[in-house]
Protein backbone atom coordinates (compact mmCIF):
# COMPACT_ATOMS: atom_id res chain seq x y z
CA UNK A 1 -6.18 21.67 -12.64
CA UNK A 2 -3.01 23.69 -13.26
CA UNK A 3 -0.07 22.41 -15.35
CA UNK A 4 0.24 18.74 -14.42
CA UNK A 5 4.02 18.82 -14.98
CA UNK A 6 4.90 21.99 -13.03
CA UNK A 7 7.00 21.43 -9.88
CA UNK A 8 7.47 24.23 -7.34
CA UNK A 9 9.40 23.24 -4.20
CA UNK A 10 11.78 25.15 -1.94
CA UNK A 11 15.20 23.55 -1.19
CA UNK A 12 13.96 22.37 2.22
CA UNK A 13 10.81 20.94 0.67
CA UNK A 14 12.96 19.09 -1.88
CA UNK A 15 14.88 17.43 0.95
CA UNK A 16 11.73 16.51 2.88
CA UNK A 17 10.07 15.35 -0.33
CA UNK A 18 12.99 13.01 -1.08
CA UNK A 19 13.21 11.67 2.48
CA UNK A 20 9.45 11.14 2.61
CA UNK A 21 9.47 9.27 -0.70
CA UNK A 22 12.29 6.93 0.34
CA UNK A 23 10.69 6.29 3.74
CA UNK A 24 7.34 5.59 2.10
CA UNK A 25 8.92 3.11 -0.33
CA UNK A 26 10.58 1.23 2.54
CA UNK A 27 7.44 1.14 4.69
CA UNK A 28 5.16 0.09 1.83
CA UNK A 29 7.54 -2.70 0.88
CA UNK A 30 7.91 -4.09 4.40
CA UNK A 31 4.38 -3.52 5.70
CA UNK A 32 2.06 -0.80 4.38
CA UNK A 33 0.61 2.69 5.00
CA UNK A 34 3.52 4.56 3.43
CA UNK A 35 0.84 6.71 1.81
CA UNK A 36 0.31 8.29 5.23
CA UNK A 37 3.62 10.01 4.50
CA UNK A 38 3.18 10.86 0.82
CA UNK A 39 -0.42 12.12 0.92
CA UNK A 40 0.31 14.94 3.44
CA UNK A 41 3.42 15.87 1.40
CA UNK A 42 1.32 16.24 -1.76
CA UNK A 43 -1.28 18.31 0.07
CA UNK A 44 0.86 20.54 2.31
CA UNK A 45 4.13 20.84 0.35
CA UNK A 46 2.84 20.66 -3.21
CA UNK A 47 -0.51 22.37 -2.64
CA UNK A 48 -2.53 19.67 -4.37
CA UNK A 49 -6.24 19.27 -3.56
CA UNK A 50 -6.93 16.09 -1.58
CA UNK A 51 -8.64 14.24 -4.49
CA UNK A 52 -5.70 15.07 -6.80
CA UNK A 53 -3.20 14.02 -4.13
CA UNK A 54 -5.13 10.74 -3.83
CA UNK A 55 -4.75 10.12 -7.56
CA UNK A 56 -1.16 11.35 -7.81
CA UNK A 57 -0.13 8.99 -5.03
CA UNK A 58 -0.81 6.00 -7.31
CA UNK A 59 2.14 6.79 -9.61
CA UNK A 60 4.67 6.12 -6.87
CA UNK A 61 2.85 2.97 -5.77
CA UNK A 62 3.13 1.59 -9.30
CA UNK A 63 6.88 2.10 -9.55
CA UNK A 64 7.80 1.06 -6.01
CA UNK A 65 5.84 -2.19 -6.27
CA UNK A 66 7.35 -2.98 -9.67
CA UNK A 67 10.85 -2.43 -8.25
CA UNK A 68 10.08 -4.44 -5.10
CA UNK A 69 8.57 -7.41 -6.98
CA UNK A 70 11.52 -7.58 -9.36
CA UNK A 71 14.03 -7.36 -6.52
CA UNK A 72 12.19 -9.99 -4.45
CA UNK A 73 12.09 -12.34 -7.43
CA UNK A 74 15.80 -11.90 -8.12
CA UNK A 75 16.55 -12.51 -4.43
CA UNK A 76 14.59 -15.78 -4.59
CA UNK A 77 12.18 -14.87 -1.78
CA UNK A 78 9.02 -14.28 -3.81
CA UNK A 79 6.29 -16.90 -4.22
CA UNK A 80 3.21 -15.93 -6.22
CA UNK A 81 1.59 -19.35 -6.43
CA UNK A 82 -2.22 -19.09 -6.22
CA UNK A 83 -2.14 -15.29 -6.12
CA UNK A 84 -4.29 -14.86 -9.26
CA UNK A 85 -7.38 -15.86 -7.28
CA UNK A 86 -6.74 -12.94 -4.93
CA UNK A 87 -5.45 -10.43 -7.48
CA UNK A 88 -8.45 -10.50 -9.81
CA UNK A 89 -11.19 -9.65 -7.25
CA UNK A 90 -8.90 -7.04 -5.67
CA UNK A 91 -8.30 -5.39 -9.06
CA UNK A 92 -12.03 -5.33 -9.82
CA UNK A 93 -12.68 -3.84 -6.39
CA UNK A 94 -9.99 -1.24 -7.07
CA UNK A 95 -11.75 -0.09 -10.22
CA UNK A 96 -15.06 0.30 -8.39
CA UNK A 97 -13.44 2.12 -5.47
CA UNK A 98 -11.54 4.49 -7.75
CA UNK A 99 -14.67 5.34 -9.72
CA UNK A 100 -16.38 6.41 -6.51
CA UNK A 101 -13.31 8.25 -5.21
CA UNK A 102 -13.07 10.59 -8.20
CA UNK A 103 -16.50 12.01 -7.38
CA UNK A 104 -16.18 12.15 -3.57
CA UNK A 105 -13.81 13.58 -0.99
CA UNK A 106 -12.14 11.12 1.37
CA UNK A 107 -12.50 13.23 4.55
CA UNK A 108 -15.51 11.31 5.82
CA UNK A 109 -13.48 8.10 5.65
CA UNK A 110 -11.00 9.20 8.31
CA UNK A 111 -12.85 8.07 11.42
CA UNK A 112 -13.89 4.81 9.78
CA UNK A 113 -10.31 4.13 8.76
CA UNK A 114 -9.07 5.06 12.22
CA UNK A 115 -11.54 2.58 13.71
CA UNK A 116 -10.37 -0.13 11.32
CA UNK A 117 -6.75 0.54 12.27
CA UNK A 118 -7.62 0.21 15.96
CA UNK A 119 -9.34 -3.09 15.17
CA UNK A 120 -6.24 -4.23 13.28
CA UNK A 121 -4.06 -3.29 16.23
CA UNK A 122 -6.22 -5.40 18.54
CA UNK A 123 -6.00 -8.35 16.14
CA UNK A 124 -2.23 -8.00 15.94
CA UNK A 125 -1.88 -8.00 19.71
CA UNK A 126 -4.39 -10.77 20.50
CA UNK A 127 -3.04 -13.38 18.09
CA UNK A 128 0.66 -12.71 17.49
CA UNK A 129 1.33 -16.39 16.79
CA UNK A 130 -0.63 -16.20 13.53
CA UNK A 131 1.64 -13.44 12.29
CA UNK A 132 4.93 -14.96 13.41
CA UNK A 133 4.51 -18.50 12.12
CA UNK A 134 6.63 -19.94 9.31
CA UNK A 135 4.37 -22.22 7.27
CA UNK A 136 3.39 -22.96 3.69
CA UNK A 137 0.29 -21.03 2.62
CA UNK A 138 -2.96 -22.91 2.04
CA UNK A 139 -3.50 -21.50 -1.44
CA UNK A 140 -6.56 -23.69 -1.94
CA UNK A 141 -8.40 -21.31 0.38
CA UNK A 142 -7.82 -18.48 -2.10
CA UNK A 143 -10.76 -19.78 -4.16
CA UNK A 144 -13.23 -19.74 -1.26
CA UNK A 145 -16.12 -17.28 -1.81
CA UNK A 146 -15.43 -15.63 1.55
CA UNK A 147 -11.78 -15.06 0.59
CA UNK A 148 -12.75 -13.67 -2.83
CA UNK A 149 -15.28 -11.32 -1.22
CA UNK A 150 -12.74 -10.14 1.35
CA UNK A 151 -10.15 -9.32 -1.28
CA UNK A 152 -12.72 -7.57 -3.47
CA UNK A 153 -13.54 -5.37 -0.45
CA UNK A 154 -9.87 -4.68 0.25
CA UNK A 155 -9.36 -3.84 -3.42
CA UNK A 156 -12.34 -1.48 -3.28
CA UNK A 157 -10.78 0.29 -0.33
CA UNK A 158 -7.39 0.41 -2.11
CA UNK A 159 -8.98 1.96 -5.16
CA UNK A 160 -10.80 4.50 -3.02
CA UNK A 161 -7.97 5.86 -0.87
CA UNK A 162 -4.92 3.50 -1.02
CA UNK A 163 -3.45 4.45 2.40
CA UNK A 164 -3.31 1.38 4.64
CA UNK A 165 -4.32 -1.14 1.96
CA UNK A 166 -1.07 -3.07 2.44
CA UNK A 167 -1.89 -3.75 6.08
CA UNK A 168 -5.35 -5.03 5.24
CA UNK A 169 -3.95 -7.22 2.46
CA UNK A 170 -1.37 -8.74 4.80
CA UNK A 171 -4.13 -9.40 7.33
CA UNK A 172 -6.22 -11.14 4.67
CA UNK A 173 -3.28 -13.22 3.47
CA UNK A 174 -2.33 -14.29 6.99
CA UNK A 175 -5.87 -14.99 8.21
CA UNK A 176 -7.55 -16.47 5.16
CA UNK A 177 -4.71 -18.35 3.46
CA UNK A 178 -2.20 -18.70 6.30
CA UNK A 179 0.68 -17.01 4.52
CA UNK A 180 3.64 -16.07 6.69
CA UNK A 181 4.45 -12.36 6.71
CA UNK A 182 7.54 -13.01 4.60
CA UNK A 183 5.77 -15.04 1.89
CA UNK A 184 2.61 -12.95 2.05
CA UNK A 185 4.56 -9.75 1.57
CA UNK A 186 5.48 -10.55 -2.05
CA UNK A 187 1.86 -11.50 -2.84
CA UNK A 188 0.71 -8.27 -1.20
CA UNK A 189 3.02 -6.25 -3.46
CA UNK A 190 1.70 -8.05 -6.57
CA UNK A 191 -1.94 -7.47 -5.60
CA UNK A 192 -1.32 -3.78 -4.86
CA UNK A 193 0.41 -3.37 -8.21
CA UNK A 194 -2.39 -5.03 -10.15
CA UNK A 195 -5.20 -3.13 -8.44
CA UNK A 196 -3.32 0.17 -8.79
CA UNK A 197 -2.91 -0.08 -12.58
CA UNK A 198 -6.63 0.27 -13.46
CA UNK A 199 -7.12 2.58 -10.48
CA UNK A 200 -4.49 4.99 -11.81
CA UNK A 201 -6.09 4.95 -15.26
CA UNK A 202 -9.41 5.99 -13.71
CA UNK A 203 -7.80 8.95 -11.91
CA UNK A 204 -5.93 9.94 -15.08
CA UNK A 205 -9.14 9.83 -17.10
CA UNK A 206 -10.80 12.21 -14.62
CA UNK A 207 -7.74 14.53 -14.60
CA UNK A 208 -6.92 13.92 -10.95
CA UNK A 209 -3.21 13.12 -11.27
CA UNK A 210 -0.30 15.61 -11.16
CA UNK A 211 2.29 13.80 -13.25
CA UNK A 212 5.23 16.04 -12.27
CA UNK A 213 4.97 15.44 -8.54
CA UNK A 214 3.79 11.88 -9.03
CA UNK A 215 6.76 10.79 -11.14
CA UNK A 216 9.22 12.65 -8.90
CA UNK A 217 7.85 10.94 -5.81
CA UNK A 218 7.84 7.61 -7.66
CA UNK A 219 11.61 7.84 -8.19
CA UNK A 220 12.26 8.25 -4.47
CA UNK A 221 9.73 5.56 -3.57
CA UNK A 222 11.42 3.19 -6.02
CA UNK A 223 14.73 3.78 -4.21
CA UNK A 224 13.01 3.08 -0.89
CA UNK A 225 11.43 -0.11 -2.26
CA UNK A 226 14.84 -1.40 -3.39
CA UNK A 227 16.25 -0.66 0.07
CA UNK A 228 13.29 -2.39 1.73
CA UNK A 229 13.66 -5.58 -0.30
CA UNK A 230 17.36 -5.87 0.45
CA UNK A 231 16.58 -5.37 4.12
CA UNK A 232 14.11 -8.30 4.00
CA UNK A 233 16.49 -10.55 2.06
CA UNK A 234 19.24 -10.20 4.66
CA UNK A 235 17.14 -10.33 7.82
CA UNK A 236 17.13 -13.70 9.67
CA UNK A 237 13.88 -13.10 11.60
CA UNK A 238 11.95 -11.21 8.93
CA UNK A 239 8.52 -12.15 10.30
CA UNK A 240 9.34 -10.70 13.72
CA UNK A 241 10.60 -7.42 12.32
CA UNK A 242 7.72 -7.03 9.86
CA UNK A 243 5.30 -7.76 12.72
CA UNK A 244 6.91 -5.04 14.84
CA UNK A 245 6.75 -2.61 11.95
CA UNK A 246 3.08 -3.48 11.44
CA UNK A 247 2.38 -2.70 15.10
CA UNK A 248 4.15 0.65 14.83
CA UNK A 249 2.58 1.68 11.53
CA UNK A 250 -0.91 0.58 12.58
CA UNK A 251 -0.68 2.54 15.83
CA UNK A 252 0.54 5.68 14.07
CA UNK A 253 -2.10 5.26 11.36
CA UNK A 254 -4.92 5.05 13.90
CA UNK A 255 -3.72 8.18 15.69
CA UNK A 256 -3.21 9.98 12.39
CA UNK A 257 -6.69 9.33 11.05
CA UNK A 258 -8.48 10.14 14.30
CA UNK A 259 -6.36 13.28 14.72
């Protein structure tokens, strides 16, 4: 791979790069699938090969989740109780998924991912009450073998391609442990952070990360994450708005992957 620090963008691309990074940080903090914005930017604006774009994308995820978790904690709306039982299998799955990703292209995953997004859209529409409830999570369910297996699988997917992992994590948190979208969102951010750390190291080891573009995008995503957290903290009906954003992002994601 060429110089991993070299950045070559036109003025217009700089503007779109910045806007895309901020938008991705906001979307990833509130719901997920912000990588559907950053991955095309890395490929079409920066000229990175798809596998390198996949690895480079992890740098921004690391920073934006760190910023979001800190901001959520300071705002007093983060609750990570019982999350270790979900984080560990997800992180292990992320390592396995990343190891496979560095030796394969992700193109063949598109239709599968599109199908999963359609399935998620159906689930969102059929049982909206599960997503809109305000209740204390049943963290005891986090230790159930089925829950551990589900989060290992989600972590595997996150390590493989990252895009959309936030939506699947929110689904797992809502369905398996009955988190509300507001409380589950902070746990989602923690799990994504912890599975992305070893995943990024794998991509770095196999020289599939462009540090220049990755760090630059991370700065803009961090700004977006900060904006997203402050939006959540001040929103009275956060569950309703996150649910609506999930519907929108899931629909766009399905179309994007099939297209």
